[in-house]
Amino acid sequence: QVQLVESGGGLVQAGGSLRLSCAASGIIFSRTVVGWYRQAPGKQRELVAVIINAERTMYADSVKGRFTISRDNGKNTVYLQMNSLKPEDTAVYYCNSRIYDMEYWGKGTLVTVSS
């Protein structure tokens, strides 16, 4: 059974930093494409960052230069380092893993950025 568990969310002031973690079990993360998504209240879920391999990453324009996605294959974990946080970054952040036609989601972790 595949499980993705996000952690690291919380309340932070604007300009602050948080590091989210997504720990996987039942799947080898390094063999999948892993993405972080977020969903703010009243808005659709949107892609924040994707890591395809150690060298290839992609970011939404809104977070470029502020967020960094990385993976630790030994820990089967993917991280999202979030710096210079803004109130508009407030959302539930979800981890997603895709391999072939299979897709898995975590339950999310809430990030709240106060102004």
Protein backbone atom coordinates (compact mmCIF):
# COMPACT_ATOMS: atom_id res chain seq x y z
CA GLN A 1 0.00 0.00 0.00
CA VAL A 2 1.43 3.33 -1.05
CA GLN A 3 1.34 6.17 1.45
CA LEU A 4 2.59 9.73 1.14
CA VAL A 5 2.79 11.71 4.36
CA GLU A 6 3.42 15.44 4.32
CA SER A 7 4.77 17.37 7.29
CA GLY A 8 6.36 20.69 8.11
CA GLY A 9 3.46 23.04 7.61
CA GLY A 10 2.53 25.71 10.10
CA LEU A 11 2.08 29.39 10.75
CA VAL A 12 4.86 31.74 9.68
CA GLN A 13 5.19 35.48 9.20
CA ALA A 14 5.66 36.97 5.76
CA GLY A 15 9.30 36.78 4.75
CA GLY A 16 9.86 33.65 6.78
CA SER A 17 10.74 30.12 5.72
CA LEU A 18 9.37 26.61 6.06
CA ARG A 19 10.53 23.24 4.84
CA LEU A 20 7.91 20.71 3.90
CA SER A 21 8.64 17.01 3.79
CA CYS A 22 6.88 14.22 1.94
CA ALA A 23 7.80 10.76 3.14
CA ALA A 24 6.79 7.80 1.03
CA SER A 25 6.18 4.16 1.87
CA GLY A 26 5.25 1.35 -0.46
CA ILE A 27 6.89 3.07 -3.41
CA ILE A 28 10.42 3.97 -4.44
CA PHE A 29 10.28 7.73 -4.80
CA SER A 30 13.33 7.93 -7.02
CA ARG A 31 11.49 5.98 -9.70
CA THR A 32 8.61 8.44 -9.82
CA VAL A 33 7.92 12.04 -10.72
CA VAL A 34 7.10 13.88 -7.52
CA GLY A 35 5.28 17.16 -7.32
CA TRP A 36 4.12 19.60 -4.71
CA TYR A 37 0.71 21.12 -5.27
CA ARG A 38 -1.24 23.63 -3.24
CA GLN A 39 -4.83 24.63 -2.84
CA ALA A 40 -5.85 27.91 -1.31
CA PRO A 41 -9.38 28.47 0.04
CA GLY A 42 -11.83 28.92 -2.81
CA LYS A 43 -9.21 28.20 -5.46
CA GLN A 44 -8.27 25.26 -7.62
CA ARG A 45 -5.33 23.05 -6.77
CA GLU A 46 -2.22 24.25 -8.58
CA LEU A 47 1.20 22.81 -9.29
CA VAL A 48 4.00 24.42 -7.29
CA ALA A 49 7.08 22.37 -8.12
CA VAL A 50 8.06 19.09 -9.72
CA ILE A 51 11.18 16.98 -9.43
CA ILE A 52 11.82 14.48 -12.18
CA ASN A 53 15.34 13.55 -11.26
CA ALA A 54 18.16 15.14 -9.31
CA GLU A 55 18.96 17.49 -12.18
CA ARG A 56 15.56 18.31 -13.58
CA THR A 57 13.11 20.40 -11.62
CA MET A 58 10.28 22.73 -12.62
CA TYR A 59 8.55 25.54 -10.73
CA ALA A 60 5.47 27.65 -11.02
CA ASP A 61 6.34 31.22 -11.95
CA SER A 62 4.89 32.44 -8.67
CA VAL A 63 7.48 30.56 -6.61
CA LYS A 64 10.57 30.64 -8.82
CA GLY A 65 13.59 31.85 -6.91
CA ARG A 66 11.86 31.35 -3.56
CA PHE A 67 11.04 27.62 -3.40
CA THR A 68 13.35 24.67 -3.94
CA ILE A 69 12.30 21.07 -4.41
CA SER A 70 14.75 18.29 -3.61
CA ARG A 71 14.82 14.62 -2.78
CA ASP A 72 16.70 12.31 -0.45
CA ASN A 73 16.55 8.89 -2.05
CA GLY A 74 18.02 7.22 1.02
CA LYS A 75 15.14 8.52 3.13
CA ASN A 76 12.58 8.10 0.34
CA THR A 77 11.56 11.69 0.99
CA VAL A 78 11.01 14.79 -1.08
CA TYR A 79 11.32 18.28 0.36
CA LEU A 80 10.02 21.71 -0.50
CA GLN A 81 12.12 24.51 0.94
CA MET A 82 10.04 27.67 0.97
CA ASN A 83 11.76 31.01 1.55
CA SER A 84 10.53 34.59 1.44
CA LEU A 85 7.01 33.41 2.08
CA LYS A 86 4.11 35.67 1.17
CA PRO A 87 0.53 35.73 2.44
CA GLU A 88 -0.57 34.48 -1.00
CA ASP A 89 1.41 31.29 -0.37
CA THR A 90 -1.17 30.34 2.25
CA ALA A 91 -2.69 27.00 1.23
CA VAL A 92 -2.83 23.32 1.92
CA TYR A 93 0.22 21.76 0.29
CA TYR A 94 -0.06 18.29 -1.17
CA CYS A 95 2.56 15.81 -2.29
CA ASN A 96 1.93 13.86 -5.49
CA SER A 97 3.78 10.90 -6.98
CA ARG A 98 3.32 9.60 -10.51
CA ILE A 99 4.68 6.53 -12.25
CA TYR A 100 3.28 5.28 -15.55
CA ASP A 101 -0.52 5.56 -15.21
CA MET A 102 -0.55 5.47 -11.41
CA GLU A 103 -0.87 8.51 -9.21
CA TYR A 104 -0.77 8.93 -5.46
CA TRP A 105 -1.58 11.84 -3.15
CA GLY A 106 -0.85 12.70 0.41
CA LYS A 107 -3.44 14.25 2.71
CA GLY A 108 -1.76 17.64 2.77
CA THR A 109 -0.20 20.01 5.25
CA LEU A 110 -1.45 23.51 5.96
CA VAL A 111 0.81 26.50 5.46
CA THR A 112 -0.41 29.84 6.76
CA VAL A 113 1.58 32.99 6.09
CA SER A 114 0.58 36.04 8.12
CA SER A 115 1.18 39.58 6.93
